[in-house]
């Protein structure tokens, strides 16, 4: 599972966003943070269904209720919107 998080208003990468992937079947969570380029990776996942959330203070949370990891998943660029917008 991979992706890149950015602020579309400032067109800047968002460093330090908390990325949580949760196994829908057993509730086990995998957590990481975005790097200085806004990138994140969660490796060595089993095949199954997961939910994903991305959070960073002053930004609206971004969530996906169900992602199938039958194959590698790259979410591409994920926009986090500032809460004041």
C-alpha atoms as a PDB file:
ATOM      1  CA  UNK A   1       0.000   0.000   0.000  1.00  0.00           C
ATOM      2  CA  UNK A   2       1.500   3.324  -0.999  1.00  0.00           C
ATOM      3  CA  UNK A   3       0.533   6.898  -1.748  1.00  0.00           C
ATOM      4  CA  UNK A   4       1.522  10.545  -1.465  1.00  0.00           C
ATOM      5  CA  UNK A   5      -0.288  13.177   0.615  1.00  0.00           C
ATOM      6  CA  UNK A   6      -0.383  16.881  -0.256  1.00  0.00           C
ATOM      7  CA  UNK A   7      -2.192  20.147   0.419  1.00  0.00           C
ATOM      8  CA  UNK A   8      -3.855  21.224  -2.866  1.00  0.00           C
ATOM      9  CA  UNK A   9      -4.231  24.839  -1.702  1.00  0.00           C
ATOM     10  CA  UNK A  10      -0.498  25.377  -1.111  1.00  0.00           C
ATOM     11  CA  UNK A  11       0.580  22.618  -3.540  1.00  0.00           C
ATOM     12  CA  UNK A  12       2.936  21.339  -0.809  1.00  0.00           C
ATOM     13  CA  UNK A  13       3.679  17.810   0.396  1.00  0.00           C
ATOM     14  CA  UNK A  14       2.340  17.018   3.858  1.00  0.00           C
ATOM     15  CA  UNK A  15       5.010  15.573   6.104  1.00  0.00           C
ATOM     16  CA  UNK A  16       4.098  13.687   9.279  1.00  0.00           C
ATOM     17  CA  UNK A  17       0.503  12.780   8.410  1.00  0.00           C
ATOM     18  CA  UNK A  18      -0.643   9.686  10.312  1.00  0.00           C
ATOM     19  CA  UNK A  19      -1.654   6.838   8.001  1.00  0.00           C
ATOM     20  CA  UNK A  20      -3.632   3.988   9.577  1.00  0.00           C
ATOM     21  CA  UNK A  21      -4.555   0.838   7.713  1.00  0.00           C
ATOM     22  CA  UNK A  22      -6.942  -1.479   9.592  1.00  0.00           C
ATOM     23  CA  UNK A  23      -7.650  -5.119   8.742  1.00  0.00           C
ATOM     24  CA  UNK A  24     -11.444  -5.311   8.442  1.00  0.00           C
ATOM     25  CA  UNK A  25     -11.483  -9.012   9.386  1.00  0.00           C
ATOM     26  CA  UNK A  26      -9.545  -8.875  12.671  1.00  0.00           C
ATOM     27  CA  UNK A  27      -9.177  -5.152  13.459  1.00  0.00           C
ATOM     28  CA  UNK A  28      -5.349  -5.219  13.470  1.00  0.00           C
ATOM     29  CA  UNK A  29      -3.948  -1.781  12.678  1.00  0.00           C
ATOM     30  CA  UNK A  30      -0.809  -0.814  10.777  1.00  0.00           C
ATOM     31  CA  UNK A  31       0.324   2.785  11.271  1.00  0.00           C
ATOM     32  CA  UNK A  32       2.994   4.903   9.629  1.00  0.00           C
ATOM     33  CA  UNK A  33       3.663   8.587   8.913  1.00  0.00           C
ATOM     34  CA  UNK A  34       4.333  10.367   5.661  1.00  0.00           C
ATOM     35  CA  UNK A  35       7.926  11.333   4.932  1.00  0.00           C
ATOM     36  CA  UNK A  36       9.215  14.781   3.917  1.00  0.00           C
ATOM     37  CA  UNK A  37       7.905  14.172   0.375  1.00  0.00           C
ATOM     38  CA  UNK A  38       4.433  13.239   1.655  1.00  0.00           C
ATOM     39  CA  UNK A  39       4.999   9.595   0.679  1.00  0.00           C
ATOM     40  CA  UNK A  40       3.979   6.567   2.702  1.00  0.00           C
ATOM     41  CA  UNK A  41       4.338   2.799   2.362  1.00  0.00           C
ATOM     42  CA  UNK A  42       2.903  -0.092   4.313  1.00  0.00           C
ATOM     43  CA  UNK A  43       4.600  -3.306   3.205  1.00  0.00           C
ATOM     44  CA  UNK A  44       4.103  -7.051   3.576  1.00  0.00           C
ATOM     45  CA  UNK A  45       0.335  -6.994   3.967  1.00  0.00           C
ATOM     46  CA  UNK A  46      -1.707 -10.148   3.696  1.00  0.00           C
ATOM     47  CA  UNK A  47      -4.389 -10.366   1.050  1.00  0.00           C
ATOM     48  CA  UNK A  48      -7.687  -9.092   2.361  1.00  0.00           C
ATOM     49  CA  UNK A  49      -9.886  -6.066   2.957  1.00  0.00           C
ATOM     50  CA  UNK A  50      -8.618  -3.025   4.829  1.00  0.00           C
ATOM     51  CA  UNK A  51      -9.883   0.430   5.736  1.00  0.00           C
ATOM     52  CA  UNK A  52      -7.523   3.394   5.493  1.00  0.00           C
ATOM     53  CA  UNK A  53      -7.453   6.778   7.203  1.00  0.00           C
ATOM     54  CA  UNK A  54      -5.035   9.681   6.859  1.00  0.00           C
ATOM     55  CA  UNK A  55      -4.965  12.387   9.533  1.00  0.00           C
ATOM     56  CA  UNK A  56      -2.961  15.531  10.207  1.00  0.00           C
ATOM     57  CA  UNK A  57      -3.727  18.374  12.581  1.00  0.00           C
ATOM     58  CA  UNK A  58      -5.544  21.307  10.870  1.00  0.00           C
ATOM     59  CA  UNK A  59      -6.591  19.054   7.956  1.00  0.00           C
ATOM     60  CA  UNK A  60      -9.819  17.155   7.320  1.00  0.00           C
ATOM     61  CA  UNK A  61      -9.329  13.409   7.703  1.00  0.00           C
ATOM     62  CA  UNK A  62      -9.371  11.303   4.545  1.00  0.00           C
ATOM     63  CA  UNK A  63     -10.780   7.759   4.677  1.00  0.00           C
ATOM     64  CA  UNK A  64     -11.480   4.790   2.448  1.00  0.00           C
ATOM     65  CA  UNK A  65     -13.864   2.205   3.921  1.00  0.00           C
ATOM     66  CA  UNK A  66     -12.635  -0.806   1.947  1.00  0.00           C
ATOM     67  CA  UNK A  67      -9.468  -1.533  -0.030  1.00  0.00           C
ATOM     68  CA  UNK A  68      -8.704  -5.000  -1.406  1.00  0.00           C
ATOM     69  CA  UNK A  69      -5.033  -5.973  -1.193  1.00  0.00           C
ATOM     70  CA  UNK A  70      -5.339  -8.891  -3.614  1.00  0.00           C
ATOM     71  CA  UNK A  71      -2.742  -6.933  -5.627  1.00  0.00           C
ATOM     72  CA  UNK A  72      -0.370  -4.110  -4.669  1.00  0.00           C
ATOM     73  CA  UNK A  73      -2.257  -0.863  -4.156  1.00  0.00           C
ATOM     74  CA  UNK A  74      -0.910   2.596  -4.997  1.00  0.00           C
ATOM     75  CA  UNK A  75      -3.380   5.337  -4.120  1.00  0.00           C
ATOM     76  CA  UNK A  76      -1.544   8.019  -6.065  1.00  0.00           C
ATOM     77  CA  UNK A  77      -1.791  11.612  -4.800  1.00  0.00           C
ATOM     78  CA  UNK A  78      -4.151  12.110  -1.866  1.00  0.00           C
ATOM     79  CA  UNK A  79      -5.419  15.648  -1.186  1.00  0.00           C
ATOM     80  CA  UNK A  80      -5.912  16.689   2.435  1.00  0.00           C
ATOM     81  CA  UNK A  81      -8.009  19.821   2.710  1.00  0.00           C
ATOM     82  CA  UNK A  82      -7.366  22.420   5.391  1.00  0.00           C
ATOM     83  CA  UNK A  83     -10.241  22.465   7.913  1.00  0.00           C
ATOM     84  CA  UNK A  84     -10.631  26.221   7.475  1.00  0.00           C
ATOM     85  CA  UNK A  85     -11.623  25.776   3.809  1.00  0.00           C
END
